[in-house]
C-alpha atoms as a PDB file:
ATOM      1  CA  MET A   1     -28.284  16.117 -62.293  1.00  0.00           C
ATOM      2  CA  TRP A   2     -30.461  13.568 -60.538  1.00  0.00           C
ATOM      3  CA  TRP A   3     -28.907  10.234 -59.657  1.00  0.00           C
ATOM      4  CA  PRO A   4     -30.893   7.181 -58.561  1.00  0.00           C
ATOM      5  CA  SER A   5     -30.194   6.284 -54.951  1.00  0.00           C
ATOM      6  CA  THR A   6     -29.070   2.832 -56.011  1.00  0.00           C
ATOM      7  CA  VAL A   7     -26.384   4.366 -58.199  1.00  0.00           C
ATOM      8  CA  ILE A   8     -25.260   6.643 -55.394  1.00  0.00           C
ATOM      9  CA  GLY A   9     -25.154   3.689 -52.984  1.00  0.00           C
ATOM     10  CA  ALA A  10     -23.188   1.637 -55.444  1.00  0.00           C
ATOM     11  CA  GLY A  11     -20.799   4.491 -56.056  1.00  0.00           C
ATOM     12  CA  ALA A  12     -20.280   5.052 -52.341  1.00  0.00           C
ATOM     13  CA  GLY A  13     -19.702   1.359 -51.803  1.00  0.00           C
ATOM     14  CA  PHE A  14     -17.124   1.317 -54.577  1.00  0.00           C
ATOM     15  CA  ALA A  15     -15.411   4.382 -53.102  1.00  0.00           C
ATOM     16  CA  VAL A  16     -15.177   2.808 -49.654  1.00  0.00           C
ATOM     17  CA  ALA A  17     -14.014  -0.484 -51.083  1.00  0.00           C
ATOM     18  CA  SER A  18     -11.235   1.289 -52.942  1.00  0.00           C
ATOM     19  CA  ILE A  19      -9.731   2.755 -49.712  1.00  0.00           C
ATOM     20  CA  PRO A  20      -6.804   0.702 -48.394  1.00  0.00           C
ATOM     21  CA  GLY A  21      -7.649  -1.186 -45.212  1.00  0.00           C
ATOM     22  CA  ALA A  22      -5.149   0.589 -42.974  1.00  0.00           C
ATOM     23  CA  LEU A  23      -6.288   4.020 -44.135  1.00  0.00           C
ATOM     24  CA  LEU A  24      -9.951   3.077 -43.754  1.00  0.00           C
ATOM     25  CA  GLY A  25      -9.293   1.919 -40.204  1.00  0.00           C
ATOM     26  CA  ALA A  26      -7.569   5.185 -39.374  1.00  0.00           C
ATOM     27  CA  LEU A  27     -10.394   7.258 -40.856  1.00  0.00           C
ATOM     28  CA  LEU A  28     -13.041   5.290 -38.985  1.00  0.00           C
ATOM     29  CA  GLY A  29     -11.015   5.546 -35.809  1.00  0.00           C
ATOM     30  CA  GLN A  30     -10.789   9.324 -36.132  1.00  0.00           C
ATOM     31  CA  ALA A  31     -14.507   9.578 -36.846  1.00  0.00           C
ATOM     32  CA  MET A  32     -15.420   7.487 -33.802  1.00  0.00           C
ATOM     33  CA  ASP A  33     -13.020   9.416 -31.617  1.00  0.00           C
ATOM     34  CA  ARG A  34     -14.648  12.716 -32.604  1.00  0.00           C
ATOM     35  CA  ARG A  35     -18.150  11.311 -32.308  1.00  0.00           C
ATOM     36  CA  LEU A  36     -17.770   9.393 -29.052  1.00  0.00           C
ATOM     37  CA  ARG A  37     -14.747  11.143 -27.492  1.00  0.00           C
ATOM     38  CA  LEU A  38     -13.012   7.798 -27.144  1.00  0.00           C
ATOM     39  CA  GLN A  39      -9.638   7.462 -25.417  1.00  0.00           C
ATOM     40  CA  GLY A  40      -8.674   4.440 -27.522  1.00  0.00           C
ATOM     41  CA  TRP A  41      -9.847   1.056 -28.726  1.00  0.00           C
ATOM     42  CA  ASP A  42      -9.988  -0.224 -25.136  1.00  0.00           C
ATOM     43  CA  ASP A  43     -12.454   2.573 -24.431  1.00  0.00           C
ATOM     44  CA  LEU A  44     -14.522   1.525 -27.444  1.00  0.00           C
ATOM     45  CA  ARG A  45     -14.643  -2.075 -26.219  1.00  0.00           C
ATOM     46  CA  GLU A  46     -15.851  -0.841 -22.818  1.00  0.00           C
ATOM     47  CA  ARG A  47     -18.668   1.135 -24.431  1.00  0.00           C
ATOM     48  CA  LEU A  48     -19.698  -1.736 -26.659  1.00  0.00           C
ATOM     49  CA  GLY A  49     -19.730  -3.901 -23.533  1.00  0.00           C
ATOM     50  CA  GLY A  50     -22.205  -1.552 -21.876  1.00  0.00           C
ATOM     51  CA  ARG A  51     -19.807  -0.043 -19.334  1.00  0.00           C
ATOM     52  CA  PRO A  52     -19.632   3.756 -18.978  1.00  0.00           C
ATOM     53  CA  ALA A  53     -16.454   5.436 -20.185  1.00  0.00           C
ATOM     54  CA  LEU A  54     -13.709   5.607 -17.549  1.00  0.00           C
ATOM     55  CA  ARG A  55     -12.888   9.161 -16.491  1.00  0.00           C
ATOM     56  CA  ASP A  56      -9.340  10.272 -15.719  1.00  0.00           C
ATOM     57  CA  ASP A  57     -10.218  11.012 -12.093  1.00  0.00           C
ATOM     58  CA  GLU A  58     -11.662   7.496 -11.688  1.00  0.00           C
ATOM     59  CA  LEU A  59      -8.676   5.566 -13.043  1.00  0.00           C
ATOM     60  CA  LEU A  60      -6.683   5.533  -9.792  1.00  0.00           C
ATOM     61  CA  PHE A  61      -9.550   4.065  -7.787  1.00  0.00           C
ATOM     62  CA  VAL A  62     -10.262   1.438 -10.430  1.00  0.00           C
ATOM     63  CA  LEU A  63      -6.621   0.365 -10.050  1.00  0.00           C
ATOM     64  CA  LEU A  64      -6.895   0.362  -6.263  1.00  0.00           C
ATOM     65  CA  GLY A  65     -10.079  -1.689  -6.380  1.00  0.00           C
ATOM     66  CA  ARG A  66      -8.473  -4.279  -8.633  1.00  0.00           C
ATOM     67  CA  LEU A  67      -5.471  -4.571  -6.306  1.00  0.00           C
ATOM     68  CA  ALA A  68      -7.666  -4.876  -3.217  1.00  0.00           C
ATOM     69  CA  LYS A  69      -9.608  -7.737  -4.802  1.00  0.00           C
ATOM     70  CA  SER A  70      -6.588  -9.429  -6.405  1.00  0.00           C
ATOM     71  CA  ASP A  71      -6.284 -12.039  -3.636  1.00  0.00           C
ATOM     72  CA  GLY A  72     -10.008 -12.715  -3.676  1.00  0.00           C
ATOM     73  CA  ARG A  73     -11.078 -10.768  -0.594  1.00  0.00           C
ATOM     74  CA  VAL A  74     -11.197  -7.046   0.162  1.00  0.00           C
ATOM     75  CA  LEU A  75     -10.079  -6.434   3.742  1.00  0.00           C
ATOM     76  CA  GLU A  76     -10.856  -3.563   6.092  1.00  0.00           C
ATOM     77  CA  GLY A  77      -7.288  -2.316   5.607  1.00  0.00           C
ATOM     78  CA  HIS A  78      -7.919  -1.985   1.868  1.00  0.00           C
ATOM     79  CA  ILE A  79     -11.101   0.003   2.407  1.00  0.00           C
ATOM     80  CA  GLN A  80      -9.393   2.251   4.927  1.00  0.00           C
ATOM     81  CA  GLN A  81      -6.511   2.829   2.521  1.00  0.00           C
ATOM     82  CA  ALA A  82      -8.942   3.845  -0.223  1.00  0.00           C
ATOM     83  CA  ARG A  83     -10.509   6.344   2.176  1.00  0.00           C
ATOM     84  CA  LEU A  84      -7.076   7.733   3.004  1.00  0.00           C
ATOM     85  CA  GLU A  85      -6.342   8.218  -0.680  1.00  0.00           C
ATOM     86  CA  MET A  86      -9.581  10.182  -1.028  1.00  0.00           C
ATOM     87  CA  THR A  87      -8.544  12.338   1.913  1.00  0.00           C
ATOM     88  CA  ARG A  88      -5.066  12.808   0.491  1.00  0.00           C
ATOM     89  CA  LEU A  89      -6.559  14.054  -2.776  1.00  0.00           C
ATOM     90  CA  ASP A  90      -8.989  16.314  -0.883  1.00  0.00           C
ATOM     91  CA  LEU A  91     -11.923  15.051  -2.937  1.00  0.00           C
ATOM     92  CA  THR A  92     -15.268  16.815  -2.882  1.00  0.00           C
ATOM     93  CA  GLU A  93     -18.331  14.783  -1.919  1.00  0.00           C
ATOM     94  CA  PRO A  94     -19.385  14.164  -5.563  1.00  0.00           C
ATOM     95  CA  ALA A  95     -15.810  13.165  -6.386  1.00  0.00           C
ATOM     96  CA  ARG A  96     -15.738  10.793  -3.397  1.00  0.00           C
ATOM     97  CA  ARG A  97     -18.906   9.106  -4.652  1.00  0.00           C
ATOM     98  CA  ARG A  98     -17.314   8.657  -8.067  1.00  0.00           C
ATOM     99  CA  ALA A  99     -14.172   7.295  -6.411  1.00  0.00           C
ATOM    100  CA  ILE A 100     -16.188   4.742  -4.394  1.00  0.00           C
ATOM    101  CA  ALA A 101     -18.017   3.646  -7.540  1.00  0.00           C
ATOM    102  CA  ALA A 102     -14.701   3.385  -9.395  1.00  0.00           C
ATOM    103  CA  PHE A 103     -13.190   1.303  -6.560  1.00  0.00           C
ATOM    104  CA  ASN A 104     -16.113  -1.120  -6.764  1.00  0.00           C
ATOM    105  CA  ARG A 105     -15.808  -1.150 -10.542  1.00  0.00           C
ATOM    106  CA  GLY A 106     -12.130  -2.036 -10.193  1.00  0.00           C
ATOM    107  CA  LYS A 107     -12.986  -5.002  -7.963  1.00  0.00           C
ATOM    108  CA  ALA A 108     -14.921  -6.499 -10.876  1.00  0.00           C
ATOM    109  CA  GLY A 109     -11.729  -6.469 -12.958  1.00  0.00           C
ATOM    110  CA  LYS A 110     -13.466  -6.028 -16.316  1.00  0.00           C
ATOM    111  CA  ASP A 111     -11.932  -2.759 -17.530  1.00  0.00           C
ATOM    112  CA  ARG A 112      -9.151  -2.679 -20.102  1.00  0.00           C
ATOM    113  CA  LEU A 113      -6.760  -0.119 -18.702  1.00  0.00           C
ATOM    114  CA  GLY A 114      -3.915  -0.026 -21.219  1.00  0.00           C
ATOM    115  CA  SER A 115      -4.926   3.090 -23.146  1.00  0.00           C
ATOM    116  CA  HIS A 116      -5.713   4.985 -19.938  1.00  0.00           C
ATOM    117  CA  LEU A 117      -2.335   4.129 -18.393  1.00  0.00           C
ATOM    118  CA  ARG A 118      -0.445   5.055 -21.553  1.00  0.00           C
ATOM    119  CA  ARG A 119      -2.165   8.430 -21.537  1.00  0.00           C
ATOM    120  CA  ILE A 120      -1.087   9.041 -17.933  1.00  0.00           C
ATOM    121  CA  SER A 121       2.470   8.068 -18.918  1.00  0.00           C
ATOM    122  CA  GLN A 122       2.731  11.406 -20.740  1.00  0.00           C
ATOM    123  CA  GLN A 123       2.773  13.045 -17.275  1.00  0.00           C
ATOM    124  CA  PRO A 124       5.724  11.495 -15.393  1.00  0.00           C
ATOM    125  CA  HIS A 125       4.761  13.045 -12.042  1.00  0.00           C
ATOM    126  CA  ALA A 126       1.205  11.691 -12.313  1.00  0.00           C
ATOM    127  CA  ALA A 127       2.507   8.280 -13.419  1.00  0.00           C
ATOM    128  CA  GLU A 128       4.780   7.979 -10.383  1.00  0.00           C
ATOM    129  CA  GLY A 129       2.052   9.231  -8.045  1.00  0.00           C
ATOM    130  CA  THR A 130      -0.307   6.581  -9.414  1.00  0.00           C
ATOM    131  CA  LEU A 131       2.218   3.805  -8.755  1.00  0.00           C
ATOM    132  CA  ARG A 132       2.908   5.105  -5.256  1.00  0.00           C
ATOM    133  CA  ALA A 133      -0.790   4.987  -4.386  1.00  0.00           C
ATOM    134  CA  CYS A 134      -0.977   1.465  -5.803  1.00  0.00           C
ATOM    135  CA  TRP A 135       1.928   0.272  -3.638  1.00  0.00           C
ATOM    136  CA  ARG A 136       0.289   1.813  -0.589  1.00  0.00           C
ATOM    137  CA  MET A 137      -2.795  -0.265  -1.361  1.00  0.00           C
ATOM    138  CA  VAL A 138      -0.743  -3.423  -1.914  1.00  0.00           C
ATOM    139  CA  TRP A 139       0.944  -3.103   1.477  1.00  0.00           C
ATOM    140  CA  ALA A 140      -2.286  -2.143   3.276  1.00  0.00           C
ATOM    141  CA  ASP A 141      -2.633  -5.732   4.507  1.00  0.00           C
ATOM    142  CA  GLY A 142       1.077  -6.026   5.326  1.00  0.00           C
ATOM    143  CA  LYS A 143       2.025  -8.287   2.416  1.00  0.00           C
ATOM    144  CA  ALA A 144       2.463  -8.181  -1.341  1.00  0.00           C
ATOM    145  CA  GLY A 145       1.403 -11.273  -3.282  1.00  0.00           C
ATOM    146  CA  ARG A 146       2.868 -12.361  -6.579  1.00  0.00           C
ATOM    147  CA  HIS A 147      -0.272 -11.427  -8.502  1.00  0.00           C
ATOM    148  CA  GLU A 148      -0.229  -7.918  -7.032  1.00  0.00           C
ATOM    149  CA  ARG A 149       3.434  -7.483  -7.947  1.00  0.00           C
ATOM    150  CA  ASP A 150       2.810  -8.733 -11.479  1.00  0.00           C
ATOM    151  CA  LEU A 151      -0.049  -6.273 -11.896  1.00  0.00           C
ATOM    152  CA  LEU A 152       2.106  -3.361 -10.785  1.00  0.00           C
ATOM    153  CA  LEU A 153       5.034  -4.365 -12.984  1.00  0.00           C
ATOM    154  CA  GLY A 154       2.678  -4.488 -15.963  1.00  0.00           C
ATOM    155  CA  TRP A 155       1.018  -1.192 -15.112  1.00  0.00           C
ATOM    156  CA  GLY A 156       4.404   0.390 -14.449  1.00  0.00           C
ATOM    157  CA  GLU A 157       5.582  -0.553 -17.933  1.00  0.00           C
ATOM    158  CA  GLN A 158       2.492   1.053 -19.477  1.00  0.00           C
ATOM    159  CA  LEU A 159       3.078   4.132 -17.332  1.00  0.00           C
ATOM    160  CA  GLY A 160       6.612   4.408 -18.693  1.00  0.00           C
ATOM    161  CA  LEU A 161       8.535   3.205 -15.618  1.00  0.00           C
ATOM    162  CA  SER A 162      11.200   0.514 -15.648  1.00  0.00           C
ATOM    163  CA  ARG A 163      10.945  -2.637 -13.536  1.00  0.00           C
ATOM    164  CA  ASN A 164      13.681  -1.275 -11.267  1.00  0.00           C
ATOM    165  CA  GLN A 165      11.779   1.968 -10.747  1.00  0.00           C
ATOM    166  CA  VAL A 166       8.559   0.118  -9.909  1.00  0.00           C
ATOM    167  CA  GLN A 167      10.337  -2.166  -7.441  1.00  0.00           C
ATOM    168  CA  ALA A 168      12.198   0.770  -5.860  1.00  0.00           C
ATOM    169  CA  LEU A 169       8.870   2.469  -5.125  1.00  0.00           C
ATOM    170  CA  SER A 170       7.728  -0.676  -3.354  1.00  0.00           C
ATOM    171  CA  LEU A 171      10.626  -0.464  -0.897  1.00  0.00           C
ATOM    172  CA  GLU A 172       9.439   2.946   0.284  1.00  0.00           C
ATOM    173  CA  TYR A 173       6.180   1.445   1.557  1.00  0.00           C
ATOM    174  CA  GLU A 174       7.195  -2.103   2.448  1.00  0.00           C
ATOM    175  CA  PRO A 175       6.890  -2.803   6.184  1.00  0.00           C
ATOM    176  CA  ARG A 176       9.775  -4.087   8.215  1.00  0.00           C
ATOM    177  CA  LYS A 177      10.402  -7.809   7.831  1.00  0.00           C
ATOM    178  CA  ALA A 178       9.607  -8.484  11.473  1.00  0.00           C
ATOM    179  CA  ALA A 179       6.242  -6.752  11.183  1.00  0.00           C
ATOM    180  CA  SER A 180       5.305  -8.484   7.934  1.00  0.00           C
ATOM    181  CA  GLU A 181       6.111 -11.917   9.326  1.00  0.00           C
ATOM    182  CA  GLY A 182       4.285 -11.344  12.578  1.00  0.00           C
ATOM    183  CA  GLY A 183       7.406 -10.364  14.561  1.00  0.00           C
ATOM    184  CA  ASN A 184       7.055 -10.700  18.309  1.00  0.00           C
ATOM    185  CA  MET A 185       3.686  -8.977  18.531  1.00  0.00           C
ATOM    186  CA  THR A 186       1.345 -10.681  20.942  1.00  0.00           C
ATOM    187  CA  TYR A 187      -2.372 -10.211  21.370  1.00  0.00           C
ATOM    188  CA  ALA A 188      -1.739  -8.124  24.489  1.00  0.00           C
ATOM    189  CA  ALA A 189       0.730  -5.960  22.553  1.00  0.00           C
ATOM    190  CA  ALA A 190      -1.813  -5.494  19.768  1.00  0.00           C
ATOM    191  CA  LEU A 191      -4.398  -4.295  22.282  1.00  0.00           C
ATOM    192  CA  ARG A 192      -1.899  -1.848  23.802  1.00  0.00           C
ATOM    193  CA  LEU A 193      -0.916  -0.486  20.395  1.00  0.00           C
ATOM    194  CA  LEU A 194      -4.560   0.169  19.557  1.00  0.00           C
ATOM    195  CA  GLY A 195      -5.306   1.508  23.062  1.00  0.00           C
ATOM    196  CA  LEU A 196      -7.943  -1.140  23.734  1.00  0.00           C
ATOM    197  CA  GLU A 197      -9.072  -3.265  26.660  1.00  0.00           C
ATOM    198  CA  PRO A 198      -9.673  -7.029  26.357  1.00  0.00           C
ATOM    199  CA  ASP A 199     -13.426  -6.428  26.595  1.00  0.00           C
ATOM    200  CA  SER A 200     -13.606  -3.517  24.122  1.00  0.00           C
ATOM    201  CA  GLU A 201     -16.635  -3.771  21.862  1.00  0.00           C
ATOM    202  CA  ALA A 202     -16.337  -4.371  18.107  1.00  0.00           C
ATOM    203  CA  GLY A 203     -17.272  -0.776  17.311  1.00  0.00           C
ATOM    204  CA  GLN A 204     -14.573   0.517  19.655  1.00  0.00           C
ATOM    205  CA  VAL A 205     -11.973  -1.701  17.995  1.00  0.00           C
ATOM    206  CA  LYS A 206     -12.763  -0.374  14.546  1.00  0.00           C
ATOM    207  CA  GLN A 207     -12.978   3.232  15.736  1.00  0.00           C
ATOM    208  CA  ALA A 208      -9.607   3.053  17.490  1.00  0.00           C
ATOM    209  CA  TYR A 209      -7.943   1.553  14.430  1.00  0.00           C
ATOM    210  CA  ARG A 210      -9.328   4.143  12.035  1.00  0.00           C
ATOM    211  CA  ARG A 211      -8.441   7.033  14.347  1.00  0.00           C
ATOM    212  CA  LEU A 212      -4.835   5.887  14.747  1.00  0.00           C
ATOM    213  CA  ILE A 213      -4.370   5.159  11.049  1.00  0.00           C
ATOM    214  CA  SER A 214      -5.671   8.599  10.161  1.00  0.00           C
ATOM    215  CA  LYS A 215      -3.405  10.232  12.740  1.00  0.00           C
ATOM    216  CA  HIS A 216      -0.170   8.441  11.896  1.00  0.00           C
ATOM    217  CA  HIS A 217      -0.417   7.784   8.163  1.00  0.00           C
ATOM    218  CA  PRO A 218       2.840   8.780   6.393  1.00  0.00           C
ATOM    219  CA  ASP A 219       0.969  10.630   3.641  1.00  0.00           C
ATOM    220  CA  LYS A 220       0.350  13.413   6.142  1.00  0.00           C
ATOM    221  CA  LEU A 221       4.112  13.953   6.380  1.00  0.00           C
ATOM    222  CA  VAL A 222       4.884  13.870   2.669  1.00  0.00           C
ATOM    223  CA  GLY A 223       5.318  17.403   1.371  1.00  0.00           C
ATOM    224  CA  SER A 224       5.567  18.850   4.878  1.00  0.00           C
ATOM    225  CA  GLY A 225       9.345  18.844   4.984  1.00  0.00           C
ATOM    226  CA  ALA A 226       9.550  15.768   7.222  1.00  0.00           C
ATOM    227  CA  SER A 227      12.769  13.782   7.037  1.00  0.00           C
ATOM    228  CA  GLU A 228      12.942  10.473   5.207  1.00  0.00           C
ATOM    229  CA  ALA A 229      13.553   8.712   8.519  1.00  0.00           C
ATOM    230  CA  ARG A 230      10.396  10.200  10.020  1.00  0.00           C
ATOM    231  CA  VAL A 231       8.305   9.186   7.008  1.00  0.00           C
ATOM    232  CA  ARG A 232       9.700   5.658   7.205  1.00  0.00           C
ATOM    233  CA  GLU A 233       8.934   5.511  10.929  1.00  0.00           C
ATOM    234  CA  ALA A 234       5.331   6.564  10.279  1.00  0.00           C
ATOM    235  CA  THR A 235       5.093   3.934   7.526  1.00  0.00           C
ATOM    236  CA  GLU A 236       6.291   1.215   9.885  1.00  0.00           C
ATOM    237  CA  LEU A 237       3.861   2.292  12.596  1.00  0.00           C
ATOM    238  CA  THR A 238       1.001   2.229  10.100  1.00  0.00           C
ATOM    239  CA  ARG A 239       1.875  -1.343   9.117  1.00  0.00           C
ATOM    240  CA  GLU A 240       2.024  -2.381  12.764  1.00  0.00           C
ATOM    241  CA  LEU A 241      -1.420  -0.879  13.292  1.00  0.00           C
ATOM    242  CA  HIS A 242      -2.734  -2.907  10.340  1.00  0.00           C
ATOM    243  CA  GLN A 243      -1.170  -6.029  11.836  1.00  0.00           C
ATOM    244  CA  ALA A 244      -2.514  -5.342  15.321  1.00  0.00           C
ATOM    245  CA  TYR A 245      -6.017  -4.723  13.989  1.00  0.00           C
ATOM    246  CA  ALA A 246      -5.938  -7.933  11.948  1.00  0.00           C
ATOM    247  CA  MET A 247      -4.770  -9.883  15.007  1.00  0.00           C
ATOM    248  CA  VAL A 248      -7.509  -8.467  17.262  1.00  0.00           C
ATOM    249  CA  ARG A 249     -10.208  -9.103  14.656  1.00  0.00           C
ATOM    250  CA  LYS A 250      -9.057 -12.690  14.172  1.00  0.00           C
ATOM    251  CA  ARG A 251      -8.853 -13.391  17.905  1.00  0.00           C
ATOM    252  CA  ARG A 252     -12.254 -11.825  18.546  1.00  0.00           C
ATOM    253  CA  GLY A 253     -13.905 -13.324  15.457  1.00  0.00           C
ATOM    254  CA  LEU A 254     -14.886  -9.910  14.130  1.00  0.00           C
END
């Protein structure tokens, strides 16, 4: 039987109108998820805002970028730490490019991350690894600001970790109090630690810092059977290298 299109339209409108609101929302949500492969409503908002969907392998570097920018300025230590995380994950060149783009995307701070973090929370090992990498980024400049701590407490909750668990992870990467407050390190001591001369050029300063950080970073010991004391010693040395580099750059106006 033939039905005028207006009748069909009216009938369809009546049928939709008769569906309870909650059920209609669920049906539309399922349809959009199948059509767009959405991870959640946060993902939908990102797409409507013109931002590409956030991939699972990009999430960590978006988080790291947001932390690095949280105090308003991304330092060389933050960039170096991001590079170390890429090395730790043994990323391929295409994956490294995606990670760099994700880090820059994180600096903008526009992504809604709740649904992505809750998805990762279903994998406890991945959730803890994510928080560990975030704490390493926080301490890359030798200090943890209130805003950075608040971000990690919030992310930790969405990842399924308690406040105590999140704070306990911080202690594993926190530098010694003396190092974080400047300690007794002098400019001459900073030069010795980095293996530099007073007249070393700017390029030599940066090269020495990066080489030593790469050599002594505690991540290289994790999983190798190294003792907890050795890992902590490497962590402290890494923080001192960050401090020495910051001191030399400030003194030299680099």
